[in-house]
Amino acid sequence: MSHPSRTDKQSEVIRLAAQWFREGRRVDLGQLAQASGIGRATLYRWFDGREHVVGEAIWLGIAQAIARVEAAEPVRDRAAFLRSFTRLAHEVRDYPPLAGFAADEPEFAMRVLQSGGSVVQERLIAWVEDWLADLAVPPSDGTHGVARADLAYAVVRLAESFLWSDMIIGTPPQPGKATAVVELLLDGATG
């Protein structure tokens, strides 16, 4: 996915950062600015620091994974969402550069992937919310007072807790459990 107001040069910077990330190279903003032919101050004007740049780089890979899993689903129904969600969870968790990043810089990785200002989390929530809209989950649940956006947030946060449990509580990742819990949430929202 591209950012609507991003310039070609900004996109080039993110693509280079994503390349470095895939190669297992630390994304250093000074080196990135130099390699991109821009000043460090310009880079900081464009992005809110290393967390933002690394998040954008990671998102490029996740967006590609989303495109792959959704291409396998010609119909956007509940079963397709759960299959897409499951495949995406496994792709994200099994992506070697991301696993290496999480192992090498666990605290920073948690911020990049899971913090409230994370571009990764924000865009995953939007992805889930789009699916929920297609599944006819109402924008607001009058009975329980839960908005579709809140449900999308809960789905992503639950997924994070199971996918990154090694970083959070020291237990092995469990993408399958994430899907099972998300299915229960969908049952409550659509049942």
C-alpha atoms as a PDB file:
ATOM      1  CA  MET A   1       0.000   0.000   0.000  1.00  0.00           C
ATOM      2  CA  SER A   2       1.283   3.449  -0.714  1.00  0.00           C
ATOM      3  CA  HIS A   3       0.727   6.527   1.356  1.00  0.00           C
ATOM      4  CA  PRO A   4      -1.364   9.029  -0.658  1.00  0.00           C
ATOM      5  CA  SER A   5       0.785  12.067   0.086  1.00  0.00           C
ATOM      6  CA  ARG A   6       4.149  10.302  -0.144  1.00  0.00           C
ATOM      7  CA  THR A   7       6.592  11.602  -2.764  1.00  0.00           C
ATOM      8  CA  ASP A   8       8.542   9.310  -5.058  1.00  0.00           C
ATOM      9  CA  LYS A   9      11.696  10.058  -3.068  1.00  0.00           C
ATOM     10  CA  GLN A  10       9.989   9.190   0.229  1.00  0.00           C
ATOM     11  CA  SER A  11       8.758   5.918  -1.300  1.00  0.00           C
ATOM     12  CA  GLU A  12      12.291   5.229  -2.525  1.00  0.00           C
ATOM     13  CA  VAL A  13      13.601   5.708   1.026  1.00  0.00           C
ATOM     14  CA  ILE A  14      11.033   3.245   2.395  1.00  0.00           C
ATOM     15  CA  ARG A  15      11.830   0.702  -0.339  1.00  0.00           C
ATOM     16  CA  LEU A  16      15.534   0.928   0.551  1.00  0.00           C
ATOM     17  CA  ALA A  17      14.736   0.545   4.251  1.00  0.00           C
ATOM     18  CA  ALA A  18      12.576  -2.487   3.401  1.00  0.00           C
ATOM     19  CA  GLN A  19      15.428  -3.984   1.369  1.00  0.00           C
ATOM     20  CA  TRP A  20      17.819  -3.532   4.285  1.00  0.00           C
ATOM     21  CA  PHE A  21      15.248  -5.036   6.634  1.00  0.00           C
ATOM     22  CA  ARG A  22      14.796  -8.107   4.375  1.00  0.00           C
ATOM     23  CA  GLU A  23      18.583  -8.504   4.263  1.00  0.00           C
ATOM     24  CA  GLY A  24      18.719  -8.466   8.082  1.00  0.00           C
ATOM     25  CA  ARG A  25      20.609  -5.185   8.053  1.00  0.00           C
ATOM     26  CA  ARG A  26      19.886  -2.681  10.827  1.00  0.00           C
ATOM     27  CA  VAL A  27      17.958   0.300   9.473  1.00  0.00           C
ATOM     28  CA  ASP A  28      20.145   3.188  10.628  1.00  0.00           C
ATOM     29  CA  LEU A  29      18.621   6.543   9.689  1.00  0.00           C
ATOM     30  CA  GLY A  30      21.921   8.291   9.143  1.00  0.00           C
ATOM     31  CA  GLN A  31      23.092   5.586   6.754  1.00  0.00           C
ATOM     32  CA  LEU A  32      19.662   5.473   5.121  1.00  0.00           C
ATOM     33  CA  ALA A  33      19.674   9.229   4.518  1.00  0.00           C
ATOM     34  CA  GLN A  34      23.178   9.080   3.065  1.00  0.00           C
ATOM     35  CA  ALA A  35      22.373   6.081   0.836  1.00  0.00           C
ATOM     36  CA  SER A  36      19.218   7.874  -0.355  1.00  0.00           C
ATOM     37  CA  GLY A  37      21.069  11.080  -1.164  1.00  0.00           C
ATOM     38  CA  ILE A  38      19.154  13.225   1.313  1.00  0.00           C
ATOM     39  CA  GLY A  39      20.025  14.949   4.547  1.00  0.00           C
ATOM     40  CA  ARG A  40      19.251  13.390   7.896  1.00  0.00           C
ATOM     41  CA  ALA A  41      17.119  16.436   8.757  1.00  0.00           C
ATOM     42  CA  THR A  42      15.021  15.825   5.635  1.00  0.00           C
ATOM     43  CA  LEU A  43      14.509  12.208   6.646  1.00  0.00           C
ATOM     44  CA  TYR A  44      13.292  13.323  10.075  1.00  0.00           C
ATOM     45  CA  ARG A  45      11.003  15.892   8.455  1.00  0.00           C
ATOM     46  CA  TRP A  46       9.427  13.127   6.379  1.00  0.00           C
ATOM     47  CA  PHE A  47       9.233  10.454   9.076  1.00  0.00           C
ATOM     48  CA  ASP A  48       8.837  10.453  12.849  1.00  0.00           C
ATOM     49  CA  GLY A  49      12.086   8.640  13.517  1.00  0.00           C
ATOM     50  CA  ARG A  50      13.439   5.116  13.220  1.00  0.00           C
ATOM     51  CA  GLU A  51      10.301   3.477  14.606  1.00  0.00           C
ATOM     52  CA  HIS A  52       8.243   5.035  11.817  1.00  0.00           C
ATOM     53  CA  VAL A  53      10.713   4.143   9.052  1.00  0.00           C
ATOM     54  CA  VAL A  54      11.095   0.537  10.220  1.00  0.00           C
ATOM     55  CA  GLY A  55       7.309   0.261  10.575  1.00  0.00           C
ATOM     56  CA  GLU A  56       6.855   1.465   6.996  1.00  0.00           C
ATOM     57  CA  ALA A  57       9.495  -1.022   5.818  1.00  0.00           C
ATOM     58  CA  ILE A  58       7.785  -3.886   7.650  1.00  0.00           C
ATOM     59  CA  TRP A  59       4.405  -2.792   6.332  1.00  0.00           C
ATOM     60  CA  LEU A  60       5.627  -3.179   2.748  1.00  0.00           C
ATOM     61  CA  GLY A  61       6.211  -6.867   3.436  1.00  0.00           C
ATOM     62  CA  ILE A  62       2.913  -7.292   5.271  1.00  0.00           C
ATOM     63  CA  ALA A  63       1.012  -5.527   2.483  1.00  0.00           C
ATOM     64  CA  GLN A  64       2.544  -7.968   0.004  1.00  0.00           C
ATOM     65  CA  ALA A  65       1.516 -10.879   2.240  1.00  0.00           C
ATOM     66  CA  ILE A  66      -2.021  -9.480   2.448  1.00  0.00           C
ATOM     67  CA  ALA A  67      -2.173  -9.283  -1.335  1.00  0.00           C
ATOM     68  CA  ARG A  68      -1.071 -12.929  -1.575  1.00  0.00           C
ATOM     69  CA  VAL A  69      -3.546 -14.270   0.986  1.00  0.00           C
ATOM     70  CA  GLU A  70      -6.441 -12.241  -0.387  1.00  0.00           C
ATOM     71  CA  ALA A  71      -5.685 -13.324  -3.969  1.00  0.00           C
ATOM     72  CA  ALA A  72      -6.544 -16.861  -2.892  1.00  0.00           C
ATOM     73  CA  GLU A  73     -10.018 -15.750  -1.773  1.00  0.00           C
ATOM     74  CA  PRO A  74     -12.364 -14.829  -4.633  1.00  0.00           C
ATOM     75  CA  VAL A  75     -15.258 -14.231  -2.211  1.00  0.00           C
ATOM     76  CA  ARG A  76     -15.056 -12.027   0.878  1.00  0.00           C
ATOM     77  CA  ASP A  77     -17.086 -13.971   3.397  1.00  0.00           C
ATOM     78  CA  ARG A  78     -16.535 -15.098   6.999  1.00  0.00           C
ATOM     79  CA  ALA A  79     -14.699 -18.295   6.037  1.00  0.00           C
ATOM     80  CA  ALA A  80     -12.459 -16.378   3.618  1.00  0.00           C
ATOM     81  CA  PHE A  81     -11.610 -13.858   6.335  1.00  0.00           C
ATOM     82  CA  LEU A  82     -10.657 -16.594   8.777  1.00  0.00           C
ATOM     83  CA  ARG A  83      -8.516 -18.349   6.156  1.00  0.00           C
ATOM     84  CA  SER A  84      -6.871 -15.050   5.166  1.00  0.00           C
ATOM     85  CA  PHE A  85      -6.323 -14.128   8.806  1.00  0.00           C
ATOM     86  CA  THR A  86      -4.763 -17.532   9.535  1.00  0.00           C
ATOM     87  CA  ARG A  87      -2.465 -17.462   6.498  1.00  0.00           C
ATOM     88  CA  LEU A  88      -1.424 -13.881   7.227  1.00  0.00           C
ATOM     89  CA  ALA A  89      -0.699 -14.710  10.873  1.00  0.00           C
ATOM     90  CA  HIS A  90       1.545 -17.595   9.814  1.00  0.00           C
ATOM     91  CA  GLU A  91       3.264 -15.574   7.064  1.00  0.00           C
ATOM     92  CA  VAL A  92       3.985 -12.693   9.434  1.00  0.00           C
ATOM     93  CA  ARG A  93       5.244 -14.913  12.211  1.00  0.00           C
ATOM     94  CA  ASP A  94       7.283 -17.150   9.877  1.00  0.00           C
ATOM     95  CA  TYR A  95       8.909 -14.264   7.971  1.00  0.00           C
ATOM     96  CA  PRO A  96      12.631 -14.721   8.780  1.00  0.00           C
ATOM     97  CA  PRO A  97      13.624 -11.016   8.706  1.00  0.00           C
ATOM     98  CA  LEU A  98      10.783 -10.157  11.090  1.00  0.00           C
ATOM     99  CA  ALA A  99      11.586 -13.074  13.400  1.00  0.00           C
ATOM    100  CA  GLY A 100      15.244 -12.005  13.426  1.00  0.00           C
ATOM    101  CA  PHE A 101      14.306  -8.399  14.144  1.00  0.00           C
ATOM    102  CA  ALA A 102      12.042  -9.485  17.019  1.00  0.00           C
ATOM    103  CA  ALA A 103      14.831 -11.642  18.468  1.00  0.00           C
ATOM    104  CA  ASP A 104      17.553  -8.989  18.050  1.00  0.00           C
ATOM    105  CA  GLU A 105      15.597  -5.940  19.227  1.00  0.00           C
ATOM    106  CA  PRO A 106      12.551  -7.237  21.138  1.00  0.00           C
ATOM    107  CA  GLU A 107      11.591  -4.025  22.928  1.00  0.00           C
ATOM    108  CA  PHE A 108      11.962  -1.901  19.808  1.00  0.00           C
ATOM    109  CA  ALA A 109      10.147  -4.540  17.744  1.00  0.00           C
ATOM    110  CA  MET A 110       7.217  -4.459  20.164  1.00  0.00           C
ATOM    111  CA  ARG A 111       6.948  -0.685  19.750  1.00  0.00           C
ATOM    112  CA  VAL A 112       7.193  -0.899  15.964  1.00  0.00           C
ATOM    113  CA  LEU A 113       4.628  -3.688  15.719  1.00  0.00           C
ATOM    114  CA  GLN A 114       2.269  -3.068  18.619  1.00  0.00           C
ATOM    115  CA  SER A 115       2.342   0.462  19.972  1.00  0.00           C
ATOM    116  CA  GLY A 116      -0.613   2.786  19.620  1.00  0.00           C
ATOM    117  CA  GLY A 117       1.242   4.957  17.106  1.00  0.00           C
ATOM    118  CA  SER A 118       2.503   2.012  15.072  1.00  0.00           C
ATOM    119  CA  VAL A 119       1.834   2.228  11.339  1.00  0.00           C
ATOM    120  CA  VAL A 120       1.819  -1.574  11.298  1.00  0.00           C
ATOM    121  CA  GLN A 121      -0.879  -1.865  13.939  1.00  0.00           C
ATOM    122  CA  GLU A 122      -2.905   1.027  12.503  1.00  0.00           C
ATOM    123  CA  ARG A 123      -2.966  -0.512   9.022  1.00  0.00           C
ATOM    124  CA  LEU A 124      -3.709  -4.025  10.277  1.00  0.00           C
ATOM    125  CA  ILE A 125      -6.679  -2.622  12.190  1.00  0.00           C
ATOM    126  CA  ALA A 126      -7.874  -0.900   9.010  1.00  0.00           C
ATOM    127  CA  TRP A 127      -7.482  -4.186   7.090  1.00  0.00           C
ATOM    128  CA  VAL A 128      -9.569  -6.084   9.654  1.00  0.00           C
ATOM    129  CA  GLU A 129     -12.155  -3.301   9.772  1.00  0.00           C
ATOM    130  CA  ASP A 130     -12.545  -3.477   5.972  1.00  0.00           C
ATOM    131  CA  TRP A 131     -13.174  -7.206   6.237  1.00  0.00           C
ATOM    132  CA  LEU A 132     -15.674  -6.673   9.062  1.00  0.00           C
ATOM    133  CA  ALA A 133     -17.562  -4.168   6.925  1.00  0.00           C
ATOM    134  CA  ASP A 134     -17.680  -6.744   4.107  1.00  0.00           C
ATOM    135  CA  LEU A 135     -18.982  -9.299   6.615  1.00  0.00           C
ATOM    136  CA  ALA A 136     -21.848  -6.916   7.435  1.00  0.00           C
ATOM    137  CA  VAL A 137     -20.680  -6.300  10.993  1.00  0.00           C
ATOM    138  CA  PRO A 138     -22.592  -3.133  11.871  1.00  0.00           C
ATOM    139  CA  PRO A 139     -20.580   0.063  12.443  1.00  0.00           C
ATOM    140  CA  SER A 140     -21.887   0.080  16.010  1.00  0.00           C
ATOM    141  CA  ASP A 141     -23.426  -2.650  18.121  1.00  0.00           C
ATOM    142  CA  GLY A 142     -26.356  -1.097  19.955  1.00  0.00           C
ATOM    143  CA  THR A 143     -26.632  -4.040  22.357  1.00  0.00           C
ATOM    144  CA  HIS A 144     -23.078  -4.090  23.630  1.00  0.00           C
ATOM    145  CA  GLY A 145     -21.908  -0.629  22.594  1.00  0.00           C
ATOM    146  CA  VAL A 146     -18.957  -2.013  20.597  1.00  0.00           C
ATOM    147  CA  ALA A 147     -18.084  -0.178  17.412  1.00  0.00           C
ATOM    148  CA  ARG A 148     -16.744  -2.072  14.382  1.00  0.00           C
ATOM    149  CA  ALA A 149     -13.485  -0.132  14.771  1.00  0.00           C
ATOM    150  CA  ASP A 150     -13.213  -1.362  18.370  1.00  0.00           C
ATOM    151  CA  LEU A 151     -13.813  -4.941  17.273  1.00  0.00           C
ATOM    152  CA  ALA A 152     -11.099  -4.592  14.614  1.00  0.00           C
ATOM    153  CA  TYR A 153      -8.750  -3.220  17.273  1.00  0.00           C
ATOM    154  CA  ALA A 154      -9.555  -6.155  19.574  1.00  0.00           C
ATOM    155  CA  VAL A 155      -8.923  -8.670  16.769  1.00  0.00           C
ATOM    156  CA  VAL A 156      -5.506  -7.188  16.026  1.00  0.00           C
ATOM    157  CA  ARG A 157      -4.509  -6.915  19.690  1.00  0.00           C
ATOM    158  CA  LEU A 158      -5.555 -10.527  20.317  1.00  0.00           C
ATOM    159  CA  ALA A 159      -3.581 -11.653  17.295  1.00  0.00           C
ATOM    160  CA  GLU A 160      -0.536  -9.734  18.529  1.00  0.00           C
ATOM    161  CA  SER A 161      -0.745 -11.371  21.946  1.00  0.00           C
ATOM    162  CA  PHE A 162      -0.634 -14.856  20.418  1.00  0.00           C
ATOM    163  CA  LEU A 163       1.761 -14.111  17.544  1.00  0.00           C
ATOM    164  CA  TRP A 164       4.331 -12.309  19.674  1.00  0.00           C
ATOM    165  CA  SER A 165       3.834 -14.189  22.949  1.00  0.00           C
ATOM    166  CA  ASP A 166       7.538 -15.036  22.959  1.00  0.00           C
ATOM    167  CA  MET A 167       8.359 -11.331  23.285  1.00  0.00           C
ATOM    168  CA  ILE A 168       5.472 -10.550  25.632  1.00  0.00           C
ATOM    169  CA  ILE A 169       5.430 -13.441  28.110  1.00  0.00           C
ATOM    170  CA  GLY A 170       8.105 -15.863  26.940  1.00  0.00           C
ATOM    171  CA  THR A 171       5.836 -18.575  25.521  1.00  0.00           C
ATOM    172  CA  PRO A 172       5.984 -19.983  21.973  1.00  0.00           C
ATOM    173  CA  PRO A 173       3.913 -18.136  19.337  1.00  0.00           C
ATOM    174  CA  GLN A 174       0.466 -19.636  18.751  1.00  0.00           C
ATOM    175  CA  PRO A 175      -1.101 -18.312  15.537  1.00  0.00           C
ATOM    176  CA  GLY A 176      -3.710 -21.095  15.577  1.00  0.00           C
ATOM    177  CA  LYS A 177      -5.034 -19.957  18.945  1.00  0.00           C
ATOM    178  CA  ALA A 178      -5.263 -16.414  17.609  1.00  0.00           C
ATOM    179  CA  THR A 179      -7.561 -17.624  14.840  1.00  0.00           C
ATOM    180  CA  ALA A 180      -9.730 -19.610  17.269  1.00  0.00           C
ATOM    181  CA  VAL A 181     -10.220 -16.592  19.522  1.00  0.00           C
ATOM    182  CA  VAL A 182     -10.925 -14.311  16.550  1.00  0.00           C
ATOM    183  CA  GLU A 183     -13.549 -16.798  15.372  1.00  0.00           C
ATOM    184  CA  LEU A 184     -15.248 -16.553  18.779  1.00  0.00           C
ATOM    185  CA  LEU A 185     -15.259 -12.771  18.505  1.00  0.00           C
ATOM    186  CA  LEU A 186     -16.816 -12.994  15.036  1.00  0.00           C
ATOM    187  CA  ASP A 187     -19.467 -15.381  16.355  1.00  0.00           C
ATOM    188  CA  GLY A 188     -20.435 -12.772  18.916  1.00  0.00           C
ATOM    189  CA  ALA A 189     -20.408  -9.932  16.389  1.00  0.00           C
ATOM    190  CA  THR A 190     -22.282 -11.680  13.594  1.00  0.00           C
ATOM    191  CA  GLY A 191     -24.257 -14.328  15.447  1.00  0.00           C
END
